[in-house]
Amino acid sequence: MQSLLPWLADGLVIVGAVIMGTAVYGMIWLPDVYTRLHAASKAVVLGVIPILLASTVSGEPAIIFRVILISMLLLLTAPVSAHAIGHAAYQKREKMKTADSVDESGRLTHEDKEQDTESNI
């Protein structure tokens, strides 16, 4: 079992690095701030936590406690910060550029809709 632990740690690091690398491409290629924000927040949660788990291979209680603490803080703060950034972008009336996007809040006024159709002409 002891010989498998380094392989497990290496696998977790590779999984975390692949997820974070994919998220970087998502932040570059996605069309608007909302979809880019989604890619960035997923990179934090799904990419960093496997890398943190890889450090628990040592089995030291202090390291395991720190990994649990950091993971919990990431799980609590990543969605909150993503929501705050998305809300700020929405308040600045940042447009969604994805196809068939809909503003379900009803805040987009008739004048805004007319302005959008005139700018697309």
PDB file of N, CA and C in Angstrom:
ATOM      1  N   MET A   1       0.820  -1.197   0.000  1.00  0.00           N
ATOM      2  CA  MET A   1       0.000   0.000   0.000  1.00  0.00           C
ATOM      3  C   MET A   1       0.860   1.256   0.000  1.00  0.00           C
ATOM      4  N   GLN A   2       1.984   1.205   0.711  1.00  0.00           N
ATOM      5  CA  GLN A   2       2.877   2.366   0.783  1.00  0.00           C
ATOM      6  C   GLN A   2       3.440   2.728  -0.587  1.00  0.00           C
ATOM      7  N   SER A   3       3.619   1.750  -1.452  1.00  0.00           N
ATOM      8  CA  SER A   3       4.180   2.044  -2.769  1.00  0.00           C
ATOM      9  C   SER A   3       3.157   2.679  -3.703  1.00  0.00           C
ATOM     10  N   LEU A   4       1.881   2.533  -3.402  1.00  0.00           N
ATOM     11  CA  LEU A   4       0.840   3.130  -4.237  1.00  0.00           C
ATOM     12  C   LEU A   4       0.569   4.588  -3.897  1.00  0.00           C
ATOM     13  N   LEU A   5       0.901   5.015  -2.698  1.00  0.00           N
ATOM     14  CA  LEU A   5       0.593   6.390  -2.278  1.00  0.00           C
ATOM     15  C   LEU A   5       1.294   7.455  -3.120  1.00  0.00           C
ATOM     16  N   PRO A   6       2.580   7.305  -3.446  1.00  0.00           N
ATOM     17  CA  PRO A   6       3.177   8.323  -4.327  1.00  0.00           C
ATOM     18  C   PRO A   6       2.516   8.377  -5.707  1.00  0.00           C
ATOM     19  N   TRP A   7       2.083   7.228  -6.218  1.00  0.00           N
ATOM     20  CA  TRP A   7       1.394   7.220  -7.509  1.00  0.00           C
ATOM     21  C   TRP A   7       0.042   7.932  -7.405  1.00  0.00           C
ATOM     22  N   LEU A   8      -0.631   7.730  -6.310  1.00  0.00           N
ATOM     23  CA  LEU A   8      -1.902   8.410  -6.092  1.00  0.00           C
ATOM     24  C   LEU A   8      -1.697   9.921  -6.015  1.00  0.00           C
ATOM     25  N   ALA A   9      -0.665  10.337  -5.295  1.00  0.00           N
ATOM     26  CA  ALA A   9      -0.368  11.766  -5.183  1.00  0.00           C
ATOM     27  C   ALA A   9      -0.021  12.354  -6.551  1.00  0.00           C
ATOM     28  N   ASP A  10       0.781  11.634  -7.330  1.00  0.00           N
ATOM     29  CA  ASP A  10       1.117  12.111  -8.671  1.00  0.00           C
ATOM     30  C   ASP A  10      -0.125  12.209  -9.554  1.00  0.00           C
ATOM     31  N   GLY A  11      -0.998  11.228  -9.448  1.00  0.00           N
ATOM     32  CA  GLY A  11      -2.233  11.258 -10.226  1.00  0.00           C
ATOM     33  C   GLY A  11      -3.126  12.428  -9.851  1.00  0.00           C
ATOM     34  N   LEU A  12      -3.223  12.718  -8.565  1.00  0.00           N
ATOM     35  CA  LEU A  12      -4.031  13.860  -8.128  1.00  0.00           C
ATOM     36  C   LEU A  12      -3.454  15.184  -8.620  1.00  0.00           C
ATOM     37  N   VAL A  13      -2.133  15.302  -8.606  1.00  0.00           N
ATOM     38  CA  VAL A  13      -1.498  16.526  -9.109  1.00  0.00           C
ATOM     39  C   VAL A  13      -1.764  16.682 -10.605  1.00  0.00           C
ATOM     40  N   ILE A  14      -1.665  15.584 -11.342  1.00  0.00           N
ATOM     41  CA  ILE A  14      -1.911  15.649 -12.789  1.00  0.00           C
ATOM     42  C   ILE A  14      -3.370  16.007 -13.068  1.00  0.00           C
ATOM     43  N   VAL A  15      -4.297  15.401 -12.334  1.00  0.00           N
ATOM     44  CA  VAL A  15      -5.722  15.723 -12.510  1.00  0.00           C
ATOM     45  C   VAL A  15      -5.970  17.208 -12.231  1.00  0.00           C
ATOM     46  N   GLY A  16      -5.413  17.719 -11.134  1.00  0.00           N
ATOM     47  CA  GLY A  16      -5.581  19.132 -10.801  1.00  0.00           C
ATOM     48  C   GLY A  16      -4.981  20.050 -11.852  1.00  0.00           C
ATOM     49  N   ALA A  17      -3.796  19.691 -12.355  1.00  0.00           N
ATOM     50  CA  ALA A  17      -3.146  20.517 -13.371  1.00  0.00           C
ATOM     51  C   ALA A  17      -3.919  20.509 -14.692  1.00  0.00           C
ATOM     52  N   VAL A  18      -4.464  19.364 -15.066  1.00  0.00           N
ATOM     53  CA  VAL A  18      -5.248  19.285 -16.305  1.00  0.00           C
ATOM     54  C   VAL A  18      -6.522  20.119 -16.176  1.00  0.00           C
ATOM     55  N   ILE A  19      -7.189  20.026 -15.049  1.00  0.00           N
ATOM     56  CA  ILE A  19      -8.410  20.813 -14.845  1.00  0.00           C
ATOM     57  C   ILE A  19      -8.093  22.304 -14.865  1.00  0.00           C
ATOM     58  N   MET A  20      -7.027  22.702 -14.206  1.00  0.00           N
ATOM     59  CA  MET A  20      -6.677  24.127 -14.183  1.00  0.00           C
ATOM     60  C   MET A  20      -6.232  24.604 -15.559  1.00  0.00           C
ATOM     61  N   GLY A  21      -5.525  23.773 -16.303  1.00  0.00           N
ATOM     62  CA  GLY A  21      -5.131  24.144 -17.663  1.00  0.00           C
ATOM     63  C   GLY A  21      -6.325  24.290 -18.581  1.00  0.00           C
ATOM     64  N   THR A  22      -7.287  23.388 -18.450  1.00  0.00           N
ATOM     65  CA  THR A  22      -8.509  23.492 -19.241  1.00  0.00           C
ATOM     66  C   THR A  22      -9.276  24.760 -18.886  1.00  0.00           C
ATOM     67  N   ALA A  23      -9.292  25.105 -17.620  1.00  0.00           N
ATOM     68  CA  ALA A  23      -9.989  26.323 -17.187  1.00  0.00           C
ATOM     69  C   ALA A  23      -9.310  27.571 -17.736  1.00  0.00           C
ATOM     70  N   VAL A  24      -8.006  27.546 -17.856  1.00  0.00           N
ATOM     71  CA  VAL A  24      -7.308  28.697 -18.445  1.00  0.00           C
ATOM     72  C   VAL A  24      -7.737  28.883 -19.893  1.00  0.00           C
ATOM     73  N   TYR A  25      -7.807  27.788 -20.651  1.00  0.00           N
ATOM     74  CA  TYR A  25      -8.298  27.891 -22.024  1.00  0.00           C
ATOM     75  C   TYR A  25      -9.740  28.384 -22.051  1.00  0.00           C
ATOM     76  N   GLY A  26     -10.539  27.955 -21.091  1.00  0.00           N
ATOM     77  CA  GLY A  26     -11.912  28.439 -21.018  1.00  0.00           C
ATOM     78  C   GLY A  26     -11.981  29.932 -20.759  1.00  0.00           C
ATOM     79  N   MET A  27     -11.112  30.429 -19.901  1.00  0.00           N
ATOM     80  CA  MET A  27     -11.120  31.863 -19.601  1.00  0.00           C
ATOM     81  C   MET A  27     -10.647  32.685 -20.803  1.00  0.00           C
ATOM     82  N   ILE A  28      -9.843  32.092 -21.647  1.00  0.00           N
ATOM     83  CA  ILE A  28      -9.370  32.801 -22.839  1.00  0.00           C
ATOM     84  C   ILE A  28     -10.410  32.763 -23.952  1.00  0.00           C
ATOM     85  N   TRP A  29     -11.024  31.607 -24.206  1.00  0.00           N
ATOM     86  CA  TRP A  29     -11.858  31.420 -25.383  1.00  0.00           C
ATOM     87  C   TRP A  29     -13.341  31.667 -25.172  1.00  0.00           C
ATOM     88  N   LEU A  30     -13.821  31.655 -23.955  1.00  0.00           N
ATOM     89  CA  LEU A  30     -15.257  31.863 -23.749  1.00  0.00           C
ATOM     90  C   LEU A  30     -15.639  33.304 -24.057  1.00  0.00           C
ATOM     91  N   PRO A  31     -16.871  33.546 -24.521  1.00  0.00           N
ATOM     92  CA  PRO A  31     -17.201  34.842 -25.109  1.00  0.00           C
ATOM     93  C   PRO A  31     -17.469  35.998 -24.150  1.00  0.00           C
ATOM     94  N   ASP A  32     -17.988  35.742 -22.951  1.00  0.00           N
ATOM     95  CA  ASP A  32     -18.348  36.876 -22.096  1.00  0.00           C
ATOM     96  C   ASP A  32     -17.888  36.645 -20.665  1.00  0.00           C
ATOM     97  N   VAL A  33     -18.072  37.673 -19.855  1.00  0.00           N
ATOM     98  CA  VAL A  33     -17.568  37.653 -18.484  1.00  0.00           C
ATOM     99  C   VAL A  33     -18.250  36.574 -17.642  1.00  0.00           C
ATOM    100  N   TYR A  34     -19.493  36.285 -17.920  1.00  0.00           N
ATOM    101  CA  TYR A  34     -20.228  35.324 -17.106  1.00  0.00           C
ATOM    102  C   TYR A  34     -19.732  33.891 -17.330  1.00  0.00           C
ATOM    103  N   THR A  35     -19.508  33.524 -18.577  1.00  0.00           N
ATOM    104  CA  THR A  35     -18.994  32.184 -18.842  1.00  0.00           C
ATOM    105  C   THR A  35     -17.523  32.063 -18.447  1.00  0.00           C
ATOM    106  N   ARG A  36     -16.766  33.126 -18.591  1.00  0.00           N
ATOM    107  CA  ARG A  36     -15.368  33.109 -18.134  1.00  0.00           C
ATOM    108  C   ARG A  36     -15.299  32.962 -16.617  1.00  0.00           C
ATOM    109  N   LEU A  37     -16.210  33.616 -15.941  1.00  0.00           N
ATOM    110  CA  LEU A  37     -16.266  33.525 -14.488  1.00  0.00           C
ATOM    111  C   LEU A  37     -16.589  32.102 -14.039  1.00  0.00           C
ATOM    112  N   HIS A  38     -17.438  31.447 -14.783  1.00  0.00           N
ATOM    113  CA  HIS A  38     -17.772  30.051 -14.476  1.00  0.00           C
ATOM    114  C   HIS A  38     -16.525  29.173 -14.592  1.00  0.00           C
ATOM    115  N   ALA A  39     -15.757  29.365 -15.652  1.00  0.00           N
ATOM    116  CA  ALA A  39     -14.541  28.570 -15.837  1.00  0.00           C
ATOM    117  C   ALA A  39     -13.533  28.856 -14.724  1.00  0.00           C
ATOM    118  N   ALA A  40     -13.405  30.111 -14.336  1.00  0.00           N
ATOM    119  CA  ALA A  40     -12.437  30.466 -13.295  1.00  0.00           C
ATOM    120  C   ALA A  40     -12.823  29.887 -11.939  1.00  0.00           C
ATOM    121  N   SER A  41     -14.101  29.929 -11.605  1.00  0.00           N
ATOM    122  CA  SER A  41     -14.512  29.406 -10.300  1.00  0.00           C
ATOM    123  C   SER A  41     -14.402  27.879 -10.251  1.00  0.00           C
ATOM    124  N   LYS A  42     -14.644  27.222 -11.366  1.00  0.00           N
ATOM    125  CA  LYS A  42     -14.471  25.770 -11.400  1.00  0.00           C
ATOM    126  C   LYS A  42     -12.998  25.394 -11.275  1.00  0.00           C
ATOM    127  N   ALA A  43     -12.116  26.212 -11.813  1.00  0.00           N
ATOM    128  CA  ALA A  43     -10.681  25.926 -11.701  1.00  0.00           C
ATOM    129  C   ALA A  43     -10.241  25.951 -10.253  1.00  0.00           C
ATOM    130  N   VAL A  44     -10.776  26.875  -9.497  1.00  0.00           N
ATOM    131  CA  VAL A  44     -10.397  26.976  -8.089  1.00  0.00           C
ATOM    132  C   VAL A  44     -10.829  25.739  -7.322  1.00  0.00           C
ATOM    133  N   VAL A  45     -12.083  25.376  -7.477  1.00  0.00           N
ATOM    134  CA  VAL A  45     -12.613  24.278  -6.671  1.00  0.00           C
ATOM    135  C   VAL A  45     -12.125  22.919  -7.184  1.00  0.00           C
ATOM    136  N   LEU A  46     -12.287  22.679  -8.472  1.00  0.00           N
ATOM    137  CA  LEU A  46     -11.982  21.357  -9.005  1.00  0.00           C
ATOM    138  C   LEU A  46     -10.508  21.153  -9.339  1.00  0.00           C
ATOM    139  N   GLY A  47      -9.741  22.219  -9.438  1.00  0.00           N
ATOM    140  CA  GLY A  47      -8.329  22.088  -9.778  1.00  0.00           C
ATOM    141  C   GLY A  47      -7.394  22.142  -8.587  1.00  0.00           C
ATOM    142  N   VAL A  48      -7.690  23.001  -7.644  1.00  0.00           N
ATOM    143  CA  VAL A  48      -6.790  23.175  -6.503  1.00  0.00           C
ATOM    144  C   VAL A  48      -6.984  22.077  -5.457  1.00  0.00           C
ATOM    145  N   ILE A  49      -8.195  21.650  -5.243  1.00  0.00           N
ATOM    146  CA  ILE A  49      -8.447  20.665  -4.189  1.00  0.00           C
ATOM    147  C   ILE A  49      -7.745  19.326  -4.456  1.00  0.00           C
ATOM    148  N   PRO A  50      -7.724  18.791  -5.686  1.00  0.00           N
ATOM    149  CA  PRO A  50      -6.919  17.563  -5.875  1.00  0.00           C
ATOM    150  C   PRO A  50      -5.428  17.771  -5.603  1.00  0.00           C
ATOM    151  N   ILE A  51      -4.927  18.936  -5.931  1.00  0.00           N
ATOM    152  CA  ILE A  51      -3.519  19.213  -5.638  1.00  0.00           C
ATOM    153  C   ILE A  51      -3.292  19.268  -4.130  1.00  0.00           C
ATOM    154  N   LEU A  52      -4.227  19.858  -3.411  1.00  0.00           N
ATOM    155  CA  LEU A  52      -4.129  19.874  -1.953  1.00  0.00           C
ATOM    156  C   LEU A  52      -4.220  18.462  -1.372  1.00  0.00           C
ATOM    157  N   LEU A  53      -5.117  17.658  -1.931  1.00  0.00           N
ATOM    158  CA  LEU A  53      -5.254  16.283  -1.440  1.00  0.00           C
ATOM    159  C   LEU A  53      -3.978  15.473  -1.678  1.00  0.00           C
ATOM    160  N   ALA A  54      -3.244  15.804  -2.715  1.00  0.00           N
ATOM    161  CA  ALA A  54      -1.992  15.095  -2.983  1.00  0.00           C
ATOM    162  C   ALA A  54      -0.973  15.320  -1.865  1.00  0.00           C
ATOM    163  N   SER A  55      -1.069  16.441  -1.188  1.00  0.00           N
ATOM    164  CA  SER A  55      -0.119  16.709  -0.107  1.00  0.00           C
ATOM    165  C   SER A  55      -0.432  15.927   1.165  1.00  0.00           C
ATOM    166  N   THR A  56      -1.590  15.289   1.230  1.00  0.00           N
ATOM    167  CA  THR A  56      -1.930  14.512   2.420  1.00  0.00           C
ATOM    168  C   THR A  56      -1.267  13.134   2.432  1.00  0.00           C
ATOM    169  N   VAL A  57      -0.547  12.811   1.378  1.00  0.00           N
ATOM    170  CA  VAL A  57       0.118  11.505   1.295  1.00  0.00           C
ATOM    171  C   VAL A  57       1.128  11.327   2.425  1.00  0.00           C
ATOM    172  N   SER A  58       1.694  12.416   2.885  1.00  0.00           N
ATOM    173  CA  SER A  58       2.690  12.312   3.959  1.00  0.00           C
ATOM    174  C   SER A  58       2.083  11.723   5.227  1.00  0.00           C
ATOM    175  N   GLY A  59       0.785  11.929   5.427  1.00  0.00           N
ATOM    176  CA  GLY A  59       0.112  11.365   6.586  1.00  0.00           C
ATOM    177  C   GLY A  59       0.288  12.152   7.866  1.00  0.00           C
ATOM    178  N   GLU A  60       0.958  13.288   7.798  1.00  0.00           N
ATOM    179  CA  GLU A  60       1.139  14.099   9.004  1.00  0.00           C
ATOM    180  C   GLU A  60      -0.169  14.801   9.355  1.00  0.00           C
ATOM    181  N   PRO A  61      -0.583  14.725  10.612  1.00  0.00           N
ATOM    182  CA  PRO A  61      -1.865  15.324  11.006  1.00  0.00           C
ATOM    183  C   PRO A  61      -1.920  16.840  10.781  1.00  0.00           C
ATOM    184  N   ALA A  62      -0.813  17.533  10.959  1.00  0.00           N
ATOM    185  CA  ALA A  62      -0.816  18.987  10.763  1.00  0.00           C
ATOM    186  C   ALA A  62      -1.088  19.338   9.299  1.00  0.00           C
ATOM    187  N   ILE A  63      -0.503  18.581   8.383  1.00  0.00           N
ATOM    188  CA  ILE A  63      -0.717  18.842   6.957  1.00  0.00           C
ATOM    189  C   ILE A  63      -2.145  18.503   6.568  1.00  0.00           C
ATOM    190  N   ILE A  64      -2.651  17.395   7.073  1.00  0.00           N
ATOM    191  CA  ILE A  64      -4.022  17.004   6.755  1.00  0.00           C
ATOM    192  C   ILE A  64      -5.009  18.040   7.286  1.00  0.00           C
ATOM    193  N   PHE A  65      -4.779  18.551   8.486  1.00  0.00           N
ATOM    194  CA  PHE A  65      -5.642  19.593   9.045  1.00  0.00           C
ATOM    195  C   PHE A  65      -5.610  20.852   8.177  1.00  0.00           C
ATOM    196  N   ARG A  66      -4.424  21.242   7.724  1.00  0.00           N
ATOM    197  CA  ARG A  66      -4.309  22.428   6.867  1.00  0.00           C
ATOM    198  C   ARG A  66      -5.016  22.231   5.538  1.00  0.00           C
ATOM    199  N   VAL A  67      -4.888  21.038   4.966  1.00  0.00           N
ATOM    200  CA  VAL A  67      -5.564  20.760   3.697  1.00  0.00           C
ATOM    201  C   VAL A  67      -7.072  20.843   3.871  1.00  0.00           C
ATOM    202  N   ILE A  68      -7.592  20.288   4.941  1.00  0.00           N
ATOM    203  CA  ILE A  68      -9.032  20.359   5.203  1.00  0.00           C
ATOM    204  C   ILE A  68      -9.468  21.806   5.390  1.00  0.00           C
ATOM    205  N   LEU A  69      -8.695  22.560   6.143  1.00  0.00           N
ATOM    206  CA  LEU A  69      -9.029  23.971   6.382  1.00  0.00           C
ATOM    207  C   LEU A  69      -9.004  24.785   5.083  1.00  0.00           C
ATOM    208  N   ILE A  70      -7.963  24.619   4.291  1.00  0.00           N
ATOM    209  CA  ILE A  70      -7.862  25.358   3.032  1.00  0.00           C
ATOM    210  C   ILE A  70      -8.981  24.948   2.081  1.00  0.00           C
ATOM    211  N   SER A  71      -9.268  23.652   2.004  1.00  0.00           N
ATOM    212  CA  SER A  71     -10.343  23.181   1.117  1.00  0.00           C
ATOM    213  C   SER A  71     -11.695  23.747   1.534  1.00  0.00           C
ATOM    214  N   MET A  72     -11.959  23.758   2.823  1.00  0.00           N
ATOM    215  CA  MET A  72     -13.225  24.320   3.296  1.00  0.00           C
ATOM    216  C   MET A  72     -13.319  25.815   2.990  1.00  0.00           C
ATOM    217  N   LEU A  73     -12.234  26.540   3.182  1.00  0.00           N
ATOM    218  CA  LEU A  73     -12.248  27.969   2.870  1.00  0.00           C
ATOM    219  C   LEU A  73     -12.455  28.210   1.372  1.00  0.00           C
ATOM    220  N   LEU A  74     -11.833  27.392   0.529  1.00  0.00           N
ATOM    221  CA  LEU A  74     -12.044  27.522  -0.910  1.00  0.00           C
ATOM    222  C   LEU A  74     -13.483  27.217  -1.291  1.00  0.00           C
ATOM    223  N   LEU A  75     -14.045  26.175  -0.700  1.00  0.00           N
ATOM    224  CA  LEU A  75     -15.427  25.826  -1.004  1.00  0.00           C
ATOM    225  C   LEU A  75     -16.413  26.895  -0.548  1.00  0.00           C
ATOM    226  N   LEU A  76     -16.052  27.630   0.495  1.00  0.00           N
ATOM    227  CA  LEU A  76     -16.929  28.701   0.980  1.00  0.00           C
ATOM    228  C   LEU A  76     -16.736  30.015   0.228  1.00  0.00           C
ATOM    229  N   THR A  77     -15.507  30.348  -0.115  1.00  0.00           N
ATOM    230  CA  THR A  77     -15.246  31.664  -0.692  1.00  0.00           C
ATOM    231  C   THR A  77     -15.337  31.718  -2.210  1.00  0.00           C
ATOM    232  N   ALA A  78     -15.068  30.638  -2.914  1.00  0.00           N
ATOM    233  CA  ALA A  78     -15.105  30.666  -4.383  1.00  0.00           C
ATOM    234  C   ALA A  78     -16.501  31.003  -4.924  1.00  0.00           C
ATOM    235  N   PRO A  79     -17.561  30.374  -4.462  1.00  0.00           N
ATOM    236  CA  PRO A  79     -18.880  30.754  -4.980  1.00  0.00           C
ATOM    237  C   PRO A  79     -19.291  32.175  -4.595  1.00  0.00           C
ATOM    238  N   VAL A  80     -18.918  32.598  -3.409  1.00  0.00           N
ATOM    239  CA  VAL A  80     -19.283  33.947  -2.969  1.00  0.00           C
ATOM    240  C   VAL A  80     -18.575  34.999  -3.812  1.00  0.00           C
ATOM    241  N   SER A  81     -17.288  34.800  -4.055  1.00  0.00           N
ATOM    242  CA  SER A  81     -16.554  35.775  -4.866  1.00  0.00           C
ATOM    243  C   SER A  81     -17.032  35.745  -6.315  1.00  0.00           C
ATOM    244  N   ALA A  82     -17.341  34.569  -6.849  1.00  0.00           N
ATOM    245  CA  ALA A  82     -17.860  34.491  -8.219  1.00  0.00           C
ATOM    246  C   ALA A  82     -19.207  35.208  -8.317  1.00  0.00           C
ATOM    247  N   HIS A  83     -20.036  35.044  -7.302  1.00  0.00           N
ATOM    248  CA  HIS A  83     -21.323  35.737  -7.307  1.00  0.00           C
ATOM    249  C   HIS A  83     -21.128  37.249  -7.248  1.00  0.00           C
ATOM    250  N   ALA A  84     -20.212  37.705  -6.423  1.00  0.00           N
ATOM    251  CA  ALA A  84     -19.963  39.148  -6.300  1.00  0.00           C
ATOM    252  C   ALA A  84     -19.452  39.735  -7.616  1.00  0.00           C
ATOM    253  N   ILE A  85     -18.562  39.036  -8.278  1.00  0.00           N
ATOM    254  CA  ILE A  85     -18.038  39.521  -9.558  1.00  0.00           C
ATOM    255  C   ILE A  85     -19.134  39.509 -10.616  1.00  0.00           C
ATOM    256  N   GLY A  86     -19.913  38.437 -10.661  1.00  0.00           N
ATOM    257  CA  GLY A  86     -21.014  38.364 -11.617  1.00  0.00           C
ATOM    258  C   GLY A  86     -22.060  39.435 -11.367  1.00  0.00           C
ATOM    259  N   HIS A  87     -22.354  39.696 -10.105  1.00  0.00           N
ATOM    260  CA  HIS A  87     -23.330  40.746  -9.770  1.00  0.00           C
ATOM    261  C   HIS A  87     -22.805  42.125 -10.176  1.00  0.00           C
ATOM    262  N   ALA A  88     -21.521  42.372  -9.956  1.00  0.00           N
ATOM    263  CA  ALA A  88     -20.934  43.659 -10.362  1.00  0.00           C
ATOM    264  C   ALA A  88     -20.981  43.815 -11.879  1.00  0.00           C
ATOM    265  N   ALA A  89     -20.704  42.749 -12.610  1.00  0.00           N
ATOM    266  CA  ALA A  89     -20.777  42.817 -14.075  1.00  0.00           C
ATOM    267  C   ALA A  89     -22.213  43.074 -14.523  1.00  0.00           C
ATOM    268  N   TYR A  90     -23.162  42.455 -13.852  1.00  0.00           N
ATOM    269  CA  TYR A  90     -24.565  42.660 -14.198  1.00  0.00           C
ATOM    270  C   TYR A  90     -24.993  44.096 -13.884  1.00  0.00           C
ATOM    271  N   GLN A  91     -24.541  44.628 -12.764  1.00  0.00           N
ATOM    272  CA  GLN A  91     -24.875  46.012 -12.408  1.00  0.00           C
ATOM    273  C   GLN A  91     -24.314  47.005 -13.416  1.00  0.00           C
ATOM    274  N   LYS A  92     -23.170  46.671 -14.007  1.00  0.00           N
ATOM    275  CA  LYS A  92     -22.583  47.534 -15.040  1.00  0.00           C
ATOM    276  C   LYS A  92     -23.198  47.272 -16.408  1.00  0.00           C
ATOM    277  N   ARG A  93     -24.240  46.420 -16.427  1.00  0.00           N
ATOM    278  CA  ARG A  93     -24.971  46.058 -17.644  1.00  0.00           C
ATOM    279  C   ARG A  93     -24.066  45.410 -18.691  1.00  0.00           C
ATOM    280  N   GLU A  94     -23.191  44.563 -18.215  1.00  0.00           N
ATOM    281  CA  GLU A  94     -22.349  43.771 -19.121  1.00  0.00           C
ATOM    282  C   GLU A  94     -23.249  42.784 -19.856  1.00  0.00           C
ATOM    283  N   LYS A  95     -23.182  42.773 -21.163  1.00  0.00           N
ATOM    284  CA  LYS A  95     -24.073  41.939 -21.971  1.00  0.00           C
ATOM    285  C   LYS A  95     -23.569  40.501 -22.045  1.00  0.00           C
ATOM    286  N   MET A  96     -24.527  39.578 -22.117  1.00  0.00           N
ATOM    287  CA  MET A  96     -24.203  38.180 -22.371  1.00  0.00           C
ATOM    288  C   MET A  96     -24.048  38.003 -23.873  1.00  0.00           C
ATOM    289  N   LYS A  97     -22.955  37.380 -24.277  1.00  0.00           N
ATOM    290  CA  LYS A  97     -22.692  37.227 -25.704  1.00  0.00           C
ATOM    291  C   LYS A  97     -22.954  35.817 -26.209  1.00  0.00           C
ATOM    292  N   THR A  98     -23.412  34.952 -25.326  1.00  0.00           N
ATOM    293  CA  THR A  98     -23.718  33.602 -25.767  1.00  0.00           C
ATOM    294  C   THR A  98     -25.025  33.590 -26.543  1.00  0.00           C
ATOM    295  N   ALA A  99     -25.166  32.631 -27.436  1.00  0.00           N
ATOM    296  CA  ALA A  99     -26.370  32.552 -28.255  1.00  0.00           C
ATOM    297  C   ALA A  99     -27.580  32.242 -27.385  1.00  0.00           C
ATOM    298  N   ASP A 100     -28.678  32.897 -27.680  1.00  0.00           N
ATOM    299  CA  ASP A 100     -29.956  32.668 -26.992  1.00  0.00           C
ATOM    300  C   ASP A 100     -29.892  32.943 -25.491  1.00  0.00           C
ATOM    301  N   SER A 101     -29.070  33.872 -25.055  1.00  0.00           N
ATOM    302  CA  SER A 101     -29.035  34.214 -23.632  1.00  0.00           C
ATOM    303  C   SER A 101     -30.238  35.084 -23.295  1.00  0.00           C
ATOM    304  N   VAL A 102     -30.775  34.881 -22.096  1.00  0.00           N
ATOM    305  CA  VAL A 102     -31.989  35.566 -21.676  1.00  0.00           C
ATOM    306  C   VAL A 102     -31.741  36.184 -20.305  1.00  0.00           C
ATOM    307  N   ASP A 103     -32.167  37.444 -20.140  1.00  0.00           N
ATOM    308  CA  ASP A 103     -32.113  38.096 -18.836  1.00  0.00           C
ATOM    309  C   ASP A 103     -33.422  37.790 -18.116  1.00  0.00           C
ATOM    310  N   GLU A 104     -33.390  36.841 -17.189  1.00  0.00           N
ATOM    311  CA  GLU A 104     -34.601  36.406 -16.511  1.00  0.00           C
ATOM    312  C   GLU A 104     -35.020  37.320 -15.369  1.00  0.00           C
ATOM    313  N   SER A 105     -34.215  38.318 -15.046  1.00  0.00           N
ATOM    314  CA  SER A 105     -34.575  39.193 -13.940  1.00  0.00           C
ATOM    315  C   SER A 105     -35.617  40.227 -14.346  1.00  0.00           C
ATOM    316  N   GLY A 106     -35.774  40.466 -15.638  1.00  0.00           N
ATOM    317  CA  GLY A 106     -36.730  41.455 -16.099  1.00  0.00           C
ATOM    318  C   GLY A 106     -36.214  42.875 -16.012  1.00  0.00           C
ATOM    319  N   ARG A 107     -34.938  43.048 -15.689  1.00  0.00           N
ATOM    320  CA  ARG A 107     -34.389  44.398 -15.552  1.00  0.00           C
ATOM    321  C   ARG A 107     -34.051  45.017 -16.897  1.00  0.00           C
ATOM    322  N   LEU A 108     -33.936  44.219 -17.934  1.00  0.00           N
ATOM    323  CA  LEU A 108     -33.646  44.749 -19.251  1.00  0.00           C
ATOM    324  C   LEU A 108     -34.904  45.442 -19.764  1.00  0.00           C
ATOM    325  N   THR A 109     -34.836  46.755 -19.892  1.00  0.00           N
ATOM    326  CA  THR A 109     -36.017  47.535 -20.260  1.00  0.00           C
ATOM    327  C   THR A 109     -36.256  47.467 -21.760  1.00  0.00           C
ATOM    328  N   HIS A 110     -37.405  47.972 -22.167  1.00  0.00           N
ATOM    329  CA  HIS A 110     -37.758  47.993 -23.586  1.00  0.00           C
ATOM    330  C   HIS A 110     -36.756  48.838 -24.373  1.00  0.00           C
ATOM    331  N   GLU A 111     -36.306  49.944 -23.781  1.00  0.00           N
ATOM    332  CA  GLU A 111     -35.333  50.799 -24.459  1.00  0.00           C
ATOM    333  C   GLU A 111     -34.014  50.058 -24.678  1.00  0.00           C
ATOM    334  N   ASP A 112     -33.625  49.265 -23.678  1.00  0.00           N
ATOM    335  CA  ASP A 112     -32.401  48.482 -23.818  1.00  0.00           C
ATOM    336  C   ASP A 112     -32.542  47.453 -24.937  1.00  0.00           C
ATOM    337  N   LYS A 113     -33.716  46.846 -25.042  1.00  0.00           N
ATOM    338  CA  LYS A 113     -33.946  45.859 -26.097  1.00  0.00           C
ATOM    339  C   LYS A 113     -33.897  46.512 -27.470  1.00  0.00           C
ATOM    340  N   GLU A 114     -34.520  47.702 -27.583  1.00  0.00           N
ATOM    341  CA  GLU A 114     -34.483  48.412 -28.862  1.00  0.00           C
ATOM    342  C   GLU A 114     -33.063  48.827 -29.206  1.00  0.00           C
ATOM    343  N   GLN A 115     -32.310  49.262 -28.203  1.00  0.00           N
ATOM    344  CA  GLN A 115     -30.931  49.668 -28.417  1.00  0.00           C
ATOM    345  C   GLN A 115     -30.093  48.486 -28.889  1.00  0.00           C
ATOM    346  N   ASP A 116     -30.342  47.311 -28.328  1.00  0.00           N
ATOM    347  CA  ASP A 116     -29.615  46.113 -28.749  1.00  0.00           C
ATOM    348  C   ASP A 116     -29.910  45.761 -30.188  1.00  0.00           C
ATOM    349  N   THR A 117     -31.199  45.862 -30.593  1.00  0.00           N
ATOM    350  CA  THR A 117     -31.548  45.497 -31.967  1.00  0.00           C
ATOM    351  C   THR A 117     -30.996  46.536 -32.957  1.00  0.00           C
ATOM    352  N   GLU A 118     -30.947  47.818 -32.561  1.00  0.00           N
ATOM    353  CA  GLU A 118     -30.393  48.839 -33.436  1.00  0.00           C
ATOM    354  C   GLU A 118     -28.879  48.672 -33.598  1.00  0.00           C
ATOM    355  N   SER A 119     -28.197  48.268 -32.527  1.00  0.00           N
ATOM    356  CA  SER A 119     -26.753  48.098 -32.620  1.00  0.00           C
ATOM    357  C   SER A 119     -26.377  46.855 -33.419  1.00  0.00           C
ATOM    358  N   ASN A 120     -27.297  45.895 -33.528  1.00  0.00           N
ATOM    359  CA  ASN A 120     -27.010  44.675 -34.303  1.00  0.00           C
ATOM    360  C   ASN A 120     -27.245  44.877 -35.790  1.00  0.00           C
ATOM    361  N   ILE A 121     -27.917  45.958 -36.165  1.00  0.00           N
ATOM    362  CA  ILE A 121     -28.221  46.209 -37.589  1.00  0.00           C
ATOM    363  C   ILE A 121     -27.002  46.655 -38.317  1.00  0.00           C
TER     364      ILE A 121
END
